[in-house]
Amino acid sequence: MTRLAVIYIFVELILIIFAVITFVVWDKRYRKNHGIDVPRGFEKTEEVSLDPNSGEKLRVYFNSKTGERFYHTEK
C-alpha cells in the first residue's frame, strides 16, 4: 500500500513539473519577439489580437523566409 502511494505522488509531481515547464516555455515563445520596432524582412498581416492581460492590440508580422512571427503593439 505504501509503495502505491509513493508511485502516485511521484507521478503527480512529474505532471506538475511538466505543466509548469510547458507554461514557462509557451509564455517565453509568445513574448520573446514582442517589441516596438518591426525587424527587417517581416511583412504586415491582417491578423490582430487583443492581449487579455494588458488590453493592447497586437499586430502580427510574418517573415516568409524563416516562418517567424513578430507581435507589434498597435495604438
Protein backbone atom coordinates (compact mmCIF):
# COMPACT_ATOMS: atom_id res chain seq x y z
CA MET A 1 0.00 0.00 0.00
CA THR A 2 2.84 2.38 0.85
CA ARG A 3 4.56 1.64 -2.46
CA LEU A 4 1.39 2.54 -4.38
CA ALA A 5 1.17 5.88 -2.55
CA VAL A 6 4.80 6.69 -3.37
CA ILE A 7 4.24 5.89 -7.06
CA TYR A 8 1.09 8.04 -7.09
CA ILE A 9 2.89 11.03 -5.52
CA PHE A 10 5.83 10.61 -7.93
CA VAL A 11 3.51 10.63 -10.97
CA GLU A 12 1.67 13.69 -9.65
CA LEU A 13 4.95 15.56 -9.15
CA ILE A 14 6.06 14.74 -12.68
CA LEU A 15 2.76 16.06 -14.08
CA ILE A 16 3.00 19.27 -12.08
CA ILE A 17 6.61 19.86 -13.16
CA PHE A 18 5.66 19.20 -16.79
CA ALA A 19 2.74 21.66 -16.57
CA VAL A 20 4.93 24.41 -15.09
CA ILE A 21 7.69 23.92 -17.67
CA THR A 22 5.16 23.90 -20.52
CA PHE A 23 3.63 27.17 -19.32
CA VAL A 24 7.01 28.88 -18.93
CA VAL A 25 8.20 27.79 -22.39
CA TRP A 26 4.93 28.86 -24.06
CA ASP A 27 4.99 32.22 -22.37
CA LYS A 28 8.60 32.93 -23.43
CA ARG A 29 7.88 31.88 -27.00
CA TYR A 30 4.89 34.22 -27.16
CA ARG A 31 6.65 37.18 -25.57
CA LYS A 32 10.17 36.85 -26.94
CA ASN A 33 9.60 38.89 -30.09
CA HIS A 34 7.01 41.32 -28.83
CA GLY A 35 8.55 44.71 -29.27
CA ILE A 36 8.47 48.26 -30.52
CA ASP A 37 10.34 48.19 -33.85
CA VAL A 38 9.45 45.68 -36.54
CA PRO A 39 12.61 43.89 -37.74
CA ARG A 40 13.61 43.81 -41.40
CA GLY A 41 12.12 41.05 -43.51
CA PHE A 42 8.79 40.95 -41.69
CA GLU A 43 5.56 41.61 -43.59
CA LYS A 44 2.39 43.00 -42.06
CA THR A 45 -0.51 40.52 -41.85
CA GLU A 46 -4.21 41.14 -41.28
CA GLU A 47 -4.05 39.22 -38.01
CA VAL A 48 -4.72 41.38 -34.96
CA SER A 49 -5.36 40.06 -31.47
CA LEU A 50 -6.20 41.62 -28.15
CA ASP A 51 -3.85 40.84 -25.26
CA PRO A 52 -6.16 39.75 -22.41
CA ASN A 53 -3.69 40.87 -19.71
CA SER A 54 -2.85 44.37 -20.89
CA GLY A 55 -5.74 45.09 -23.27
CA GLU A 56 -3.30 46.10 -26.04
CA LYS A 57 -3.85 45.32 -29.71
CA LEU A 58 -1.13 43.12 -31.16
CA ARG A 59 -0.48 43.14 -34.92
CA VAL A 60 1.23 40.06 -36.29
CA TYR A 61 4.13 40.41 -38.72
CA PHE A 62 5.43 37.36 -40.57
CA ASN A 63 8.84 36.55 -42.02
CA SER A 64 8.22 34.26 -45.00
CA LYS A 65 11.87 33.16 -45.17
CA THR A 66 12.13 31.89 -41.58
CA GLY A 67 8.47 31.34 -40.67
CA GLU A 68 8.96 33.50 -37.59
CA ARG A 69 6.20 35.73 -36.25
CA PHE A 70 6.61 39.14 -34.62
CA TYR A 71 3.97 40.75 -32.37
CA HIS A 72 3.85 44.53 -32.57
CA THR A 73 1.78 46.66 -30.20
CA GLU A 74 -0.68 48.92 -32.03
CA LYS A 75 -2.27 52.03 -30.61
